[in-house]
Protein backbone atom coordinates (compact mmCIF):
# COMPACT_ATOMS: atom_id res chain seq x y z
CA MET A 1 -3.18 76.78 172.17
CA SER A 2 -1.24 73.84 173.59
CA VAL A 3 -2.13 70.25 172.76
CA VAL A 4 -0.94 67.28 174.82
CA GLN A 5 -1.86 63.71 173.99
CA GLN A 6 -1.39 61.15 176.73
CA THR A 7 -1.79 57.42 176.93
CA GLY A 8 -0.44 54.78 179.18
CA PRO A 9 -1.02 51.25 180.39
CA CYS A 10 -3.09 52.40 183.39
CA ARG A 11 -5.21 55.11 181.80
CA PRO A 12 -7.24 55.54 178.61
CA PRO A 13 -5.92 57.82 175.88
CA ALA A 14 -6.64 61.51 176.40
CA THR A 15 -6.02 64.74 174.58
CA HIS A 16 -5.68 67.97 176.57
CA ILE A 17 -5.96 71.39 174.99
CA VAL A 18 -5.21 74.58 176.92
CA ALA A 19 -5.83 78.07 175.55
CA GLU A 20 -5.59 81.51 177.12
CA LEU A 21 -8.58 83.64 176.11
CA PRO A 22 -8.92 87.41 175.98
CA TYR A 23 -10.92 89.06 178.74
CA LEU A 24 -13.34 90.35 176.12
CA PRO A 25 -16.64 89.22 174.61
CA SER A 26 -14.60 87.94 171.64
CA ALA A 27 -13.37 85.17 173.97
CA VAL A 28 -16.65 83.31 173.43
CA PRO A 29 -16.31 82.72 169.66
CA GLN A 30 -12.58 82.12 170.13
CA ALA A 31 -13.32 79.39 172.70
CA ARG A 32 -15.81 77.80 170.32
CA ARG A 33 -13.15 77.77 167.56
CA VAL A 34 -10.64 76.12 169.92
CA LEU A 35 -13.22 73.51 170.88
CA ARG A 36 -14.14 72.86 167.23
CA GLU A 37 -10.46 72.28 166.44
CA CYS A 38 -10.25 69.84 169.37
CA LEU A 39 -13.38 68.00 168.35
CA GLY A 40 -11.99 67.76 164.83
CA LEU A 41 -9.67 65.09 166.31
CA THR A 42 -12.73 62.95 167.10
CA ASP A 43 -15.58 61.27 165.28
CA LEU A 44 -18.35 62.65 167.48
CA PRO A 45 -21.81 63.25 166.03
CA ASP A 46 -22.82 66.79 165.16
CA ASP A 47 -25.34 67.07 168.01
CA SER A 48 -22.66 66.23 170.60
CA ARG A 49 -20.32 68.80 169.04
CA ALA A 50 -23.05 71.47 169.11
CA THR A 51 -23.89 70.70 172.74
CA ALA A 52 -20.24 70.92 173.77
CA GLU A 53 -19.90 74.27 171.96
CA LEU A 54 -22.97 75.67 173.71
CA LEU A 55 -21.71 74.55 177.12
CA VAL A 56 -18.24 76.05 176.54
CA SER A 57 -19.91 79.28 175.43
CA GLU A 58 -21.82 79.43 178.72
CA LEU A 59 -18.67 78.88 180.82
CA VAL A 60 -16.65 81.51 178.95
CA THR A 61 -19.50 84.03 179.00
CA ASN A 62 -19.68 83.64 182.77
CA ALA A 63 -15.92 84.20 183.13
CA VAL A 64 -15.94 87.31 180.93
CA LYS A 65 -19.07 88.85 182.49
CA TYR A 66 -18.42 88.07 186.15
CA GLY A 67 -14.78 86.96 186.48
CA SER A 68 -11.36 88.55 186.34
CA PRO A 69 -8.52 88.04 183.86
CA PRO A 70 -6.75 85.97 182.80
CA VAL A 71 -9.25 83.47 181.41
CA TRP A 72 -8.12 79.95 180.49
CA LEU A 73 -9.93 77.16 178.67
CA LEU A 74 -8.99 73.53 179.24
CA VAL A 75 -10.54 70.82 177.07
CA GLU A 76 -9.95 67.15 177.80
CA LEU A 77 -11.08 64.52 175.31
CA ARG A 78 -11.34 60.93 176.52
CA PRO A 79 -13.17 57.98 175.02
CA GLY A 80 -16.84 58.65 175.71
CA LEU A 81 -16.28 62.01 177.42
CA VAL A 82 -15.69 65.68 176.68
CA HIS A 83 -14.52 67.57 179.79
CA ALA A 84 -14.04 71.33 179.70
CA SER A 85 -13.20 73.89 182.34
CA VAL A 86 -12.80 77.64 182.28
CA SER A 87 -10.82 79.45 184.94
CA ASP A 88 -10.40 83.07 185.93
CA THR A 89 -8.93 84.87 188.95
CA SER A 90 -12.18 85.88 190.66
CA THR A 91 -13.09 83.68 193.62
CA THR A 92 -16.80 84.55 193.40
CA LEU A 93 -18.76 81.47 192.41
CA PRO A 94 -21.79 81.72 190.12
CA HIS A 95 -25.22 81.59 191.71
CA ARG A 96 -28.71 81.11 190.43
CA ARG A 97 -30.72 84.24 189.90
CA VAL A 98 -34.44 84.79 189.61
CA ILE A 99 -35.01 85.90 186.04
CA ASP A 100 -37.95 87.31 184.17
CA ALA A 101 -39.27 85.36 181.19
CA ASP A 102 -38.17 88.19 178.86
CA SER A 103 -34.65 88.59 180.33
CA GLU A 104 -31.83 88.27 177.82
CA GLY A 105 -29.46 86.50 180.21
CA GLY A 106 -29.24 84.61 183.46
CA ARG A 107 -29.91 81.12 182.11
CA GLY A 108 -26.36 79.75 181.87
CA LEU A 109 -26.63 77.50 184.92
CA LEU A 110 -29.97 76.20 183.67
CA VAL A 111 -28.34 75.32 180.35
CA LEU A 112 -25.60 73.43 182.20
CA ASP A 113 -28.23 71.62 184.29
CA ALA A 114 -30.14 70.60 181.18
CA LEU A 115 -27.32 69.54 178.87
CA ALA A 116 -24.19 68.53 180.81
CA GLY A 117 -23.82 65.09 182.32
CA SER A 118 -22.38 66.86 185.35
CA TRP A 119 -20.91 70.27 186.08
CA GLY A 120 -19.56 72.30 188.94
CA ALA A 121 -17.77 75.39 190.15
CA VAL A 122 -14.75 75.35 192.42
CA SER A 123 -13.18 78.27 194.26
CA VAL A 124 -9.44 78.04 194.86
CA GLU A 125 -6.92 80.49 196.27
CA SER A 126 -5.95 81.75 192.81
CA GLY A 127 -9.53 82.14 191.53
CA LYS A 128 -12.20 79.72 190.38
CA TYR A 129 -12.99 77.30 187.66
CA LEU A 130 -16.26 76.10 186.21
CA TRP A 131 -16.34 72.74 184.50
CA PHE A 132 -18.63 70.29 182.77
CA ASP A 133 -18.51 66.66 181.71
CA LEU A 134 -20.42 65.68 178.60
CA PRO A 135 -20.78 61.94 177.99
CA VAL A 136 -20.63 61.27 174.25
CA ILE A 137 -21.01 58.39 171.84
CA ARG A 138 -18.85 58.21 168.76
CA SER A 139 -20.44 58.27 165.30
CA GLU A 140 -20.77 54.93 163.60
């Protein structure tokens, strides 16, 4: 895991964390641990932390189930915002599926719709990345 903290006269302070994840189901709890360590640098309320963890879990699950290695997690912390993206080398973007009420999966994009302030998926020559922005308010 690499941590870079940036600040300057023209931009607000930011912390960037980058971690390579295994192309295995164990990448999901590992990504949550990385995110928890990042959020330990902040004073965000527990519900914001839990939401960010759930959203990161959805992105990493998608990369491990449908992507190609390597898988990378980028977390950016800015005042009032948690941004995360997960990249892999598959160029196939996620798509909504019709799911049965008793299906075990297929709801990741619905979770992103419901909880993220915004999110997206971008295909590039070297693969794709899925990202979300989560507006947050610091604890008082």
